């Protein structure tokens, strides 16, 4: 299982809404809102080593 780096939701990579490659690593996103947030500021959701942060932002 992977995690959406924006909301922290556990993701089955085969069922992800959207995948994106950033700095040589693939990220799996659960919905259009998480996709938009990640694309707006990807550095907020990844660690310099390329590891996911595990949910940098909570949505209401």
C-alpha atoms as a PDB file:
ATOM      1  CA  UNK A   1       0.000   0.000   0.000  1.00  0.00           C
ATOM      2  CA  UNK A   2       1.076   3.513  -0.779  1.00  0.00           C
ATOM      3  CA  UNK A   3      -0.188   6.744   0.767  1.00  0.00           C
ATOM      4  CA  UNK A   4      -1.501   9.851  -0.902  1.00  0.00           C
ATOM      5  CA  UNK A   5       1.131  12.439   0.097  1.00  0.00           C
ATOM      6  CA  UNK A   6      -1.455  15.215   0.435  1.00  0.00           C
ATOM      7  CA  UNK A   7      -4.176  13.694   2.613  1.00  0.00           C
ATOM      8  CA  UNK A   8      -2.385  10.574   3.870  1.00  0.00           C
ATOM      9  CA  UNK A   9      -5.045   8.161   2.622  1.00  0.00           C
ATOM     10  CA  UNK A  10      -3.857   4.606   2.016  1.00  0.00           C
ATOM     11  CA  UNK A  11      -3.819   4.007  -1.719  1.00  0.00           C
ATOM     12  CA  UNK A  12      -3.855   0.914  -3.872  1.00  0.00           C
ATOM     13  CA  UNK A  13      -1.649   2.157  -6.697  1.00  0.00           C
ATOM     14  CA  UNK A  14      -3.845   0.354  -9.244  1.00  0.00           C
ATOM     15  CA  UNK A  15      -6.881   2.352  -8.129  1.00  0.00           C
ATOM     16  CA  UNK A  16      -5.291   5.785  -7.747  1.00  0.00           C
ATOM     17  CA  UNK A  17      -7.148   8.677  -9.356  1.00  0.00           C
ATOM     18  CA  UNK A  18      -3.894  10.162 -10.627  1.00  0.00           C
ATOM     19  CA  UNK A  19      -0.190   9.319 -10.594  1.00  0.00           C
ATOM     20  CA  UNK A  20       2.625  11.798 -10.988  1.00  0.00           C
ATOM     21  CA  UNK A  21       6.382  11.457 -11.136  1.00  0.00           C
ATOM     22  CA  UNK A  22       8.371  14.061  -9.250  1.00  0.00           C
ATOM     23  CA  UNK A  23      12.147  14.017  -8.738  1.00  0.00           C
ATOM     24  CA  UNK A  24      12.328  10.449 -10.005  1.00  0.00           C
ATOM     25  CA  UNK A  25       9.662   9.077  -7.665  1.00  0.00           C
ATOM     26  CA  UNK A  26       6.061   8.182  -8.466  1.00  0.00           C
ATOM     27  CA  UNK A  27       3.250   9.479  -6.232  1.00  0.00           C
ATOM     28  CA  UNK A  28      -0.310   8.177  -6.135  1.00  0.00           C
ATOM     29  CA  UNK A  29      -3.144  10.632  -5.520  1.00  0.00           C
ATOM     30  CA  UNK A  30      -6.700   9.770  -4.538  1.00  0.00           C
ATOM     31  CA  UNK A  31      -8.730  12.629  -6.057  1.00  0.00           C
ATOM     32  CA  UNK A  32      -8.644  15.843  -8.129  1.00  0.00           C
ATOM     33  CA  UNK A  33      -8.281  17.985  -4.995  1.00  0.00           C
ATOM     34  CA  UNK A  34      -5.138  16.157  -3.884  1.00  0.00           C
ATOM     35  CA  UNK A  35      -3.779  16.309  -7.426  1.00  0.00           C
ATOM     36  CA  UNK A  36      -4.254  20.097  -7.547  1.00  0.00           C
ATOM     37  CA  UNK A  37      -2.661  20.588  -4.115  1.00  0.00           C
ATOM     38  CA  UNK A  38       0.336  18.427  -4.988  1.00  0.00           C
ATOM     39  CA  UNK A  39       0.882  20.155  -8.338  1.00  0.00           C
ATOM     40  CA  UNK A  40       0.607  23.598  -6.736  1.00  0.00           C
ATOM     41  CA  UNK A  41       3.453  22.948  -4.257  1.00  0.00           C
ATOM     42  CA  UNK A  42       5.007  19.482  -4.540  1.00  0.00           C
ATOM     43  CA  UNK A  43       7.902  20.320  -2.195  1.00  0.00           C
ATOM     44  CA  UNK A  44       5.383  20.685   0.620  1.00  0.00           C
ATOM     45  CA  UNK A  45       4.457  17.012   0.315  1.00  0.00           C
ATOM     46  CA  UNK A  46       7.811  15.346  -0.288  1.00  0.00           C
ATOM     47  CA  UNK A  47      11.009  15.091   1.702  1.00  0.00           C
ATOM     48  CA  UNK A  48      14.269  16.073   0.028  1.00  0.00           C
ATOM     49  CA  UNK A  49      15.294  12.406  -0.049  1.00  0.00           C
ATOM     50  CA  UNK A  50      12.210  11.713  -2.179  1.00  0.00           C
ATOM     51  CA  UNK A  51      10.204  10.025   0.545  1.00  0.00           C
ATOM     52  CA  UNK A  52       6.570  10.885   1.077  1.00  0.00           C
ATOM     53  CA  UNK A  53       5.608  12.928   4.100  1.00  0.00           C
ATOM     54  CA  UNK A  54       2.443  10.903   4.736  1.00  0.00           C
ATOM     55  CA  UNK A  55      -0.146  13.659   4.624  1.00  0.00           C
ATOM     56  CA  UNK A  56       0.981  17.231   4.966  1.00  0.00           C
ATOM     57  CA  UNK A  57      -2.475  18.793   4.817  1.00  0.00           C
ATOM     58  CA  UNK A  58      -5.854  17.915   6.245  1.00  0.00           C
ATOM     59  CA  UNK A  59      -9.035  18.738   4.437  1.00  0.00           C
ATOM     60  CA  UNK A  60     -12.319  19.534   6.138  1.00  0.00           C
END
